Amino acid sequence: MTDARDRLIVALDVPDAHSGLMLANRIGEAVNFYKIGLGMLTGGGLALAQELKDQHGKRIFLDMKLFDIGATVEAAVRGLARFDLDFLTVHGDPHVVRAAAEGKGGSDMKILAVTILTSLDRADLDASLIRPGDIPDLVAERAARALEAGADGVIASPQEAAMIRALPQAAGKLIVTPGVRPAGAALGDQKRVATPAQAIADGADHIVVGRPIWQADDPKAAAQAVLADLP
């Protein structure tokens, strides 16, 4: 049976590695899995990833959302694979995913493809000249193409998790959902959200929760409240 603590990924969206380590220490054994994003990269993010993994036994999701020409993505992923990370994100364009899959080589690091960022709505896509269509349909199509290109899983809004889980290409693949907010929590900059229990019920393997935990007066208690809501 899956430990609920492995389903919850806490986003360490704090300024630097020192703040991230202090937060992880406050949360303690309540959480097994942490996400370190691009915002902390220049603040010691990779060093924090190594410390949390090697000295505290935590699982690490490095959320870089890599996007570049294939050779550059392959080289970047090959370098990151040496850190023995658990998850790494790249954009879901097939050429990017293929390069990332090549770069990870024989490592156990899972390549997760970003479909459409959960902070975006149709107006944002129009402004970026993304072709017309409902977001769930575009997400499902991008997910299918990324999985066919070799992704180990996808990042998607919890509102699209059930649709992606139903794809033939999604069999045996991971679905990781940001944009998860406990009931009553502020939405922040997320526009496509669901509660933790709903996200898991709809097919997500892991949920990512940030501000409702790290901004709480008692982050450990906030994490435990999310875990209590998981099936």
C-alpha atoms as a PDB file:
ATOM      1  CA  MET A   1       0.000   0.000   0.000  1.00  0.00           C
ATOM      2  CA  THR A   2       1.345   3.445  -0.937  1.00  0.00           C
ATOM      3  CA  ASP A   3       2.402   5.590   2.017  1.00  0.00           C
ATOM      4  CA  ALA A   4       0.403   8.827   1.876  1.00  0.00           C
ATOM      5  CA  ARG A   5       3.623  10.652   2.723  1.00  0.00           C
ATOM      6  CA  ASP A   6       4.992   9.604  -0.668  1.00  0.00           C
ATOM      7  CA  ARG A   7       1.892  10.974  -2.406  1.00  0.00           C
ATOM      8  CA  LEU A   8       2.375  14.456  -0.926  1.00  0.00           C
ATOM      9  CA  ILE A   9       5.177  16.561  -2.406  1.00  0.00           C
ATOM     10  CA  VAL A  10       5.801  19.809  -0.537  1.00  0.00           C
ATOM     11  CA  ALA A  11       7.053  22.662  -2.715  1.00  0.00           C
ATOM     12  CA  LEU A  12       9.936  24.466  -1.037  1.00  0.00           C
ATOM     13  CA  ASP A  13       9.154  27.762  -2.744  1.00  0.00           C
ATOM     14  CA  VAL A  14      11.336  29.758  -0.377  1.00  0.00           C
ATOM     15  CA  PRO A  15      14.229  32.080  -1.314  1.00  0.00           C
ATOM     16  CA  ASP A  16      17.275  29.957  -0.538  1.00  0.00           C
ATOM     17  CA  ALA A  17      18.633  26.641   0.664  1.00  0.00           C
ATOM     18  CA  HIS A  18      18.956  27.791   4.273  1.00  0.00           C
ATOM     19  CA  SER A  19      15.261  28.711   4.423  1.00  0.00           C
ATOM     20  CA  GLY A  20      14.366  25.439   2.700  1.00  0.00           C
ATOM     21  CA  LEU A  21      16.351  23.347   5.172  1.00  0.00           C
ATOM     22  CA  MET A  22      14.839  25.183   8.143  1.00  0.00           C
ATOM     23  CA  LEU A  23      11.355  24.516   6.760  1.00  0.00           C
ATOM     24  CA  ALA A  24      12.111  20.841   6.142  1.00  0.00           C
ATOM     25  CA  ASN A  25      13.428  20.528   9.683  1.00  0.00           C
ATOM     26  CA  ARG A  26      10.234  22.078  11.073  1.00  0.00           C
ATOM     27  CA  ILE A  27       8.128  19.613   9.107  1.00  0.00           C
ATOM     28  CA  GLY A  28      10.321  16.662  10.087  1.00  0.00           C
ATOM     29  CA  GLU A  29       9.137  13.120   9.454  1.00  0.00           C
ATOM     30  CA  ALA A  30       5.640  14.236   8.418  1.00  0.00           C
ATOM     31  CA  VAL A  31       6.822  14.637   4.796  1.00  0.00           C
ATOM     32  CA  ASN A  32       9.015  12.360   2.656  1.00  0.00           C
ATOM     33  CA  PHE A  33       9.055  14.241  -0.650  1.00  0.00           C
ATOM     34  CA  TYR A  34      10.084  17.804  -1.541  1.00  0.00           C
ATOM     35  CA  LYS A  35       9.998  19.893  -4.710  1.00  0.00           C
ATOM     36  CA  ILE A  36      12.788  22.346  -5.434  1.00  0.00           C
ATOM     37  CA  GLY A  37      12.066  24.757  -8.259  1.00  0.00           C
ATOM     38  CA  LEU A  38      13.777  27.195 -10.570  1.00  0.00           C
ATOM     39  CA  GLY A  39      13.299  30.072  -8.129  1.00  0.00           C
ATOM     40  CA  MET A  40      15.775  28.489  -5.699  1.00  0.00           C
ATOM     41  CA  LEU A  41      18.351  27.435  -8.268  1.00  0.00           C
ATOM     42  CA  THR A  42      20.610  30.440  -7.618  1.00  0.00           C
ATOM     43  CA  GLY A  43      19.987  30.160  -3.875  1.00  0.00           C
ATOM     44  CA  GLY A  44      21.637  26.774  -3.452  1.00  0.00           C
ATOM     45  CA  GLY A  45      18.808  24.584  -4.695  1.00  0.00           C
ATOM     46  CA  LEU A  46      20.977  21.729  -5.931  1.00  0.00           C
ATOM     47  CA  ALA A  47      22.985  21.702  -2.706  1.00  0.00           C
ATOM     48  CA  LEU A  48      19.741  21.565  -0.730  1.00  0.00           C
ATOM     49  CA  ALA A  49      18.507  18.707  -2.897  1.00  0.00           C
ATOM     50  CA  GLN A  50      21.653  16.730  -2.123  1.00  0.00           C
ATOM     51  CA  GLU A  51      21.507  17.453   1.602  1.00  0.00           C
ATOM     52  CA  LEU A  52      17.834  16.507   1.924  1.00  0.00           C
ATOM     53  CA  LYS A  53      18.415  13.306  -0.019  1.00  0.00           C
ATOM     54  CA  ASP A  54      21.754  12.165   1.374  1.00  0.00           C
ATOM     55  CA  GLN A  55      21.493  13.301   5.005  1.00  0.00           C
ATOM     56  CA  HIS A  56      17.740  13.226   5.625  1.00  0.00           C
ATOM     57  CA  GLY A  57      16.591  10.414   3.337  1.00  0.00           C
ATOM     58  CA  LYS A  58      14.064  12.558   1.487  1.00  0.00           C
ATOM     59  CA  ARG A  59      12.847  12.120  -2.080  1.00  0.00           C
ATOM     60  CA  ILE A  60      13.487  15.067  -4.403  1.00  0.00           C
ATOM     61  CA  PHE A  61      11.519  16.506  -7.311  1.00  0.00           C
ATOM     62  CA  LEU A  62      13.621  19.059  -9.225  1.00  0.00           C
ATOM     63  CA  ASP A  63      11.184  21.305 -11.060  1.00  0.00           C
ATOM     64  CA  MET A  64      13.281  22.962 -13.767  1.00  0.00           C
ATOM     65  CA  LYS A  65      10.797  22.785 -16.685  1.00  0.00           C
ATOM     66  CA  LEU A  66      13.678  22.510 -19.130  1.00  0.00           C
ATOM     67  CA  PHE A  67      13.138  23.743 -22.671  1.00  0.00           C
ATOM     68  CA  ASP A  68      15.821  24.163 -25.341  1.00  0.00           C
ATOM     69  CA  ILE A  69      17.195  22.472 -28.427  1.00  0.00           C
ATOM     70  CA  GLY A  70      17.548  18.727 -28.066  1.00  0.00           C
ATOM     71  CA  ALA A  71      21.326  18.613 -27.602  1.00  0.00           C
ATOM     72  CA  THR A  72      21.222  21.176 -24.803  1.00  0.00           C
ATOM     73  CA  VAL A  73      18.369  19.436 -22.975  1.00  0.00           C
ATOM     74  CA  GLU A  74      20.138  16.086 -23.283  1.00  0.00           C
ATOM     75  CA  ALA A  75      23.351  17.520 -21.828  1.00  0.00           C
ATOM     76  CA  ALA A  76      21.527  19.253 -18.966  1.00  0.00           C
ATOM     77  CA  VAL A  77      19.605  16.126 -18.031  1.00  0.00           C
ATOM     78  CA  ARG A  78      22.731  13.981 -18.214  1.00  0.00           C
ATOM     79  CA  GLY A  79      24.372  16.311 -15.701  1.00  0.00           C
ATOM     80  CA  LEU A  80      21.381  16.382 -13.378  1.00  0.00           C
ATOM     81  CA  ALA A  81      21.067  12.595 -13.470  1.00  0.00           C
ATOM     82  CA  ARG A  82      24.318  12.415 -11.496  1.00  0.00           C
ATOM     83  CA  PHE A  83      22.534  13.916  -8.477  1.00  0.00           C
ATOM     84  CA  ASP A  84      20.356  10.795  -7.993  1.00  0.00           C
ATOM     85  CA  LEU A  85      17.136  12.847  -8.045  1.00  0.00           C
ATOM     86  CA  ASP A  86      13.700  11.248  -8.189  1.00  0.00           C
ATOM     87  CA  PHE A  87      11.741  13.506 -10.586  1.00  0.00           C
ATOM     88  CA  LEU A  88      12.768  16.154 -13.127  1.00  0.00           C
ATOM     89  CA  THR A  89      10.418  18.284 -15.214  1.00  0.00           C
ATOM     90  CA  VAL A  90      10.826  19.280 -18.848  1.00  0.00           C
ATOM     91  CA  HIS A  91       8.363  20.913 -21.195  1.00  0.00           C
ATOM     92  CA  GLY A  92       6.189  18.360 -22.952  1.00  0.00           C
ATOM     93  CA  ASP A  93       7.233  19.133 -26.532  1.00  0.00           C
ATOM     94  CA  PRO A  94       8.193  15.789 -28.062  1.00  0.00           C
ATOM     95  CA  HIS A  95      11.703  16.857 -29.136  1.00  0.00           C
ATOM     96  CA  VAL A  96      12.432  18.009 -25.570  1.00  0.00           C
ATOM     97  CA  VAL A  97      11.077  14.820 -24.013  1.00  0.00           C
ATOM     98  CA  ARG A  98      13.048  12.583 -26.376  1.00  0.00           C
ATOM     99  CA  ALA A  99      16.251  14.461 -25.558  1.00  0.00           C
ATOM    100  CA  ALA A 100      15.584  14.262 -21.810  1.00  0.00           C
ATOM    101  CA  ALA A 101      14.878  10.533 -22.000  1.00  0.00           C
ATOM    102  CA  GLU A 102      18.190  10.081 -23.802  1.00  0.00           C
ATOM    103  CA  GLY A 103      20.020  12.259 -21.288  1.00  0.00           C
ATOM    104  CA  LYS A 104      18.826  10.396 -18.203  1.00  0.00           C
ATOM    105  CA  GLY A 105      20.408   7.219 -19.547  1.00  0.00           C
ATOM    106  CA  GLY A 106      20.147   4.304 -17.142  1.00  0.00           C
ATOM    107  CA  SER A 107      19.391   6.434 -14.081  1.00  0.00           C
ATOM    108  CA  ASP A 108      16.211   5.968 -12.049  1.00  0.00           C
ATOM    109  CA  MET A 109      15.277   9.647 -12.349  1.00  0.00           C
ATOM    110  CA  LYS A 110      11.765  10.056 -13.778  1.00  0.00           C
ATOM    111  CA  ILE A 111      11.228  12.559 -16.569  1.00  0.00           C
ATOM    112  CA  LEU A 112       7.917  14.375 -16.107  1.00  0.00           C
ATOM    113  CA  ALA A 113       6.501  16.419 -18.964  1.00  0.00           C
ATOM    114  CA  VAL A 114       4.735  19.727 -18.396  1.00  0.00           C
ATOM    115  CA  THR A 115       1.536  19.951 -20.421  1.00  0.00           C
ATOM    116  CA  ILE A 116       0.070  23.434 -19.843  1.00  0.00           C
ATOM    117  CA  LEU A 117       1.033  25.358 -16.712  1.00  0.00           C
ATOM    118  CA  THR A 118      -1.713  25.363 -14.099  1.00  0.00           C
ATOM    119  CA  SER A 119      -1.428  29.149 -13.764  1.00  0.00           C
ATOM    120  CA  LEU A 120      -2.594  29.632 -17.385  1.00  0.00           C
ATOM    121  CA  ASP A 121      -6.102  29.970 -18.767  1.00  0.00           C
ATOM    122  CA  ARG A 122      -7.402  30.267 -22.319  1.00  0.00           C
ATOM    123  CA  ALA A 123      -6.741  34.025 -22.450  1.00  0.00           C
ATOM    124  CA  ASP A 124      -3.090  33.387 -21.580  1.00  0.00           C
ATOM    125  CA  LEU A 125      -2.811  30.803 -24.349  1.00  0.00           C
ATOM    126  CA  ASP A 126      -4.373  33.207 -26.846  1.00  0.00           C
ATOM    127  CA  ALA A 127      -1.811  35.857 -25.899  1.00  0.00           C
ATOM    128  CA  SER A 128       0.941  33.296 -26.567  1.00  0.00           C
ATOM    129  CA  LEU A 129      -0.519  32.384 -29.985  1.00  0.00           C
ATOM    130  CA  ILE A 130      -1.334  28.824 -28.872  1.00  0.00           C
ATOM    131  CA  ARG A 131      -3.842  27.253 -31.232  1.00  0.00           C
ATOM    132  CA  PRO A 132      -7.556  27.424 -30.355  1.00  0.00           C
ATOM    133  CA  GLY A 133      -9.139  24.678 -28.297  1.00  0.00           C
ATOM    134  CA  ASP A 134     -10.359  23.913 -24.813  1.00  0.00           C
ATOM    135  CA  ILE A 135      -7.527  23.579 -22.309  1.00  0.00           C
ATOM    136  CA  PRO A 136      -8.444  20.030 -21.194  1.00  0.00           C
ATOM    137  CA  ASP A 137      -8.341  18.817 -24.806  1.00  0.00           C
ATOM    138  CA  LEU A 138      -4.980  20.486 -25.436  1.00  0.00           C
ATOM    139  CA  VAL A 139      -3.588  19.073 -22.186  1.00  0.00           C
ATOM    140  CA  ALA A 140      -4.692  15.550 -23.083  1.00  0.00           C
ATOM    141  CA  GLU A 141      -3.148  15.814 -26.545  1.00  0.00           C
ATOM    142  CA  ARG A 142       0.132  17.203 -25.224  1.00  0.00           C
ATOM    143  CA  ALA A 143       0.217  14.507 -22.534  1.00  0.00           C
ATOM    144  CA  ALA A 144      -0.313  11.729 -25.062  1.00  0.00           C
ATOM    145  CA  ARG A 145       2.448  13.052 -27.327  1.00  0.00           C
ATOM    146  CA  ALA A 146       4.875  13.489 -24.435  1.00  0.00           C
ATOM    147  CA  LEU A 147       4.262   9.969 -23.157  1.00  0.00           C
ATOM    148  CA  GLU A 148       4.726   8.566 -26.656  1.00  0.00           C
ATOM    149  CA  ALA A 149       8.038  10.460 -26.832  1.00  0.00           C
ATOM    150  CA  GLY A 150       9.325   8.691 -23.714  1.00  0.00           C
ATOM    151  CA  ALA A 151       8.181  10.678 -20.668  1.00  0.00           C
ATOM    152  CA  ASP A 152       7.815   8.686 -17.448  1.00  0.00           C
ATOM    153  CA  GLY A 153       4.817  10.794 -16.516  1.00  0.00           C
ATOM    154  CA  VAL A 154       3.217  14.192 -16.821  1.00  0.00           C
ATOM    155  CA  ILE A 155       2.543  17.296 -14.771  1.00  0.00           C
ATOM    156  CA  ALA A 156      -1.044  18.428 -15.144  1.00  0.00           C
ATOM    157  CA  SER A 157      -3.812  20.285 -13.387  1.00  0.00           C
ATOM    158  CA  PRO A 158      -5.885  18.050 -11.114  1.00  0.00           C
ATOM    159  CA  GLN A 159      -8.854  19.025 -13.256  1.00  0.00           C
ATOM    160  CA  GLU A 160      -7.298  17.112 -16.172  1.00  0.00           C
ATOM    161  CA  ALA A 161      -5.961  14.138 -14.193  1.00  0.00           C
ATOM    162  CA  ALA A 162      -8.906  11.842 -14.908  1.00  0.00           C
ATOM    163  CA  MET A 163      -8.778  12.580 -18.638  1.00  0.00           C
ATOM    164  CA  ILE A 164      -5.052  11.846 -18.779  1.00  0.00           C
ATOM    165  CA  ARG A 165      -5.374   8.695 -16.669  1.00  0.00           C
ATOM    166  CA  ALA A 166      -7.876   7.380 -19.244  1.00  0.00           C
ATOM    167  CA  LEU A 167      -5.386   7.749 -22.117  1.00  0.00           C
ATOM    168  CA  PRO A 168      -3.958   4.469 -23.441  1.00  0.00           C
ATOM    169  CA  GLN A 169      -0.509   6.085 -23.337  1.00  0.00           C
ATOM    170  CA  ALA A 170      -0.867   6.736 -19.588  1.00  0.00           C
ATOM    171  CA  ALA A 171      -0.889   3.101 -18.529  1.00  0.00           C
ATOM    172  CA  GLY A 172       1.869   2.624 -15.964  1.00  0.00           C
ATOM    173  CA  LYS A 173       2.863   6.297 -16.114  1.00  0.00           C
ATOM    174  CA  LEU A 174       2.920   8.923 -13.384  1.00  0.00           C
ATOM    175  CA  ILE A 175       0.560  11.872 -13.026  1.00  0.00           C
ATOM    176  CA  VAL A 176       1.752  14.646 -10.710  1.00  0.00           C
ATOM    177  CA  THR A 177      -0.610  17.502  -9.955  1.00  0.00           C
ATOM    178  CA  PRO A 178       0.284  20.989  -8.781  1.00  0.00           C
ATOM    179  CA  GLY A 179      -2.546  23.451  -8.273  1.00  0.00           C
ATOM    180  CA  VAL A 180      -3.767  21.442  -5.281  1.00  0.00           C
ATOM    181  CA  ARG A 181      -5.358  23.475  -2.504  1.00  0.00           C
ATOM    182  CA  PRO A 182      -6.881  22.143   0.730  1.00  0.00           C
ATOM    183  CA  ALA A 183     -10.516  23.142   1.158  1.00  0.00           C
ATOM    184  CA  GLY A 184     -10.713  26.803   2.165  1.00  0.00           C
ATOM    185  CA  ALA A 185      -7.154  27.676   1.132  1.00  0.00           C
ATOM    186  CA  ALA A 186      -6.429  30.737  -1.011  1.00  0.00           C
ATOM    187  CA  LEU A 187      -5.979  30.035  -4.728  1.00  0.00           C
ATOM    188  CA  GLY A 188      -2.932  32.304  -5.133  1.00  0.00           C
ATOM    189  CA  ASP A 189      -1.794  32.353  -8.779  1.00  0.00           C
ATOM    190  CA  GLN A 190      -3.372  28.984  -9.603  1.00  0.00           C
ATOM    191  CA  LYS A 191      -6.440  28.979 -11.847  1.00  0.00           C
ATOM    192  CA  ARG A 192      -7.162  25.251 -12.284  1.00  0.00           C
ATOM    193  CA  VAL A 193      -7.300  23.662  -8.826  1.00  0.00           C
ATOM    194  CA  ALA A 194      -8.775  20.810  -6.776  1.00  0.00           C
ATOM    195  CA  THR A 195      -8.563  19.459  -3.243  1.00  0.00           C
ATOM    196  CA  PRO A 196      -5.957  16.780  -2.403  1.00  0.00           C
ATOM    197  CA  ALA A 197      -8.517  13.985  -2.109  1.00  0.00           C
ATOM    198  CA  GLN A 198     -10.166  14.908  -5.413  1.00  0.00           C
ATOM    199  CA  ALA A 199      -6.847  14.995  -7.255  1.00  0.00           C
ATOM    200  CA  ILE A 200      -5.931  11.489  -6.057  1.00  0.00           C
ATOM    201  CA  ALA A 201      -9.445  10.187  -6.794  1.00  0.00           C
ATOM    202  CA  ASP A 202      -9.143  11.523 -10.336  1.00  0.00           C
ATOM    203  CA  GLY A 203      -5.965   9.563 -11.029  1.00  0.00           C
ATOM    204  CA  ALA A 204      -3.028  11.575  -9.703  1.00  0.00           C
ATOM    205  CA  ASP A 205      -0.154   9.589  -8.189  1.00  0.00           C
ATOM    206  CA  HIS A 206       1.336  12.588  -6.381  1.00  0.00           C
ATOM    207  CA  ILE A 207       0.074  16.035  -5.407  1.00  0.00           C
ATOM    208  CA  VAL A 208       2.201  19.150  -4.981  1.00  0.00           C
ATOM    209  CA  VAL A 209       1.275  21.607  -2.232  1.00  0.00           C
ATOM    210  CA  GLY A 210       3.271  24.750  -1.526  1.00  0.00           C
ATOM    211  CA  ARG A 211       1.974  27.921   0.090  1.00  0.00           C
ATOM    212  CA  PRO A 212      -0.790  26.319   2.186  1.00  0.00           C
ATOM    213  CA  ILE A 213       2.016  24.450   3.980  1.00  0.00           C
ATOM    214  CA  TRP A 214       5.079  26.681   3.985  1.00  0.00           C
ATOM    215  CA  GLN A 215       3.122  29.864   4.741  1.00  0.00           C
ATOM    216  CA  ALA A 216       1.284  28.214   7.647  1.00  0.00           C
ATOM    217  CA  ASP A 217       2.130  29.161  11.237  1.00  0.00           C
ATOM    218  CA  ASP A 218       2.724  25.437  11.843  1.00  0.00           C
ATOM    219  CA  PRO A 219       3.920  23.850   8.567  1.00  0.00           C
ATOM    220  CA  LYS A 220       4.078  20.364  10.080  1.00  0.00           C
ATOM    221  CA  ALA A 221       0.447  20.523  11.206  1.00  0.00           C
ATOM    222  CA  ALA A 222      -0.563  21.914   7.800  1.00  0.00           C
ATOM    223  CA  ALA A 223       1.178  19.011   6.052  1.00  0.00           C
ATOM    224  CA  GLN A 224      -0.460  16.510   8.384  1.00  0.00           C
ATOM    225  CA  ALA A 225      -3.877  18.048   7.632  1.00  0.00           C
ATOM    226  CA  VAL A 226      -3.292  17.531   3.888  1.00  0.00           C
ATOM    227  CA  LEU A 227      -2.187  13.943   4.504  1.00  0.00           C
ATOM    228  CA  ALA A 228      -5.307  13.312   6.550  1.00  0.00           C
ATOM    229  CA  ASP A 229      -7.385  14.302   3.510  1.00  0.00           C
ATOM    230  CA  LEU A 230      -5.699  11.737   1.256  1.00  0.00           C
ATOM    231  CA  PRO A 231      -7.295   8.336   0.566  1.00  0.00           C
END
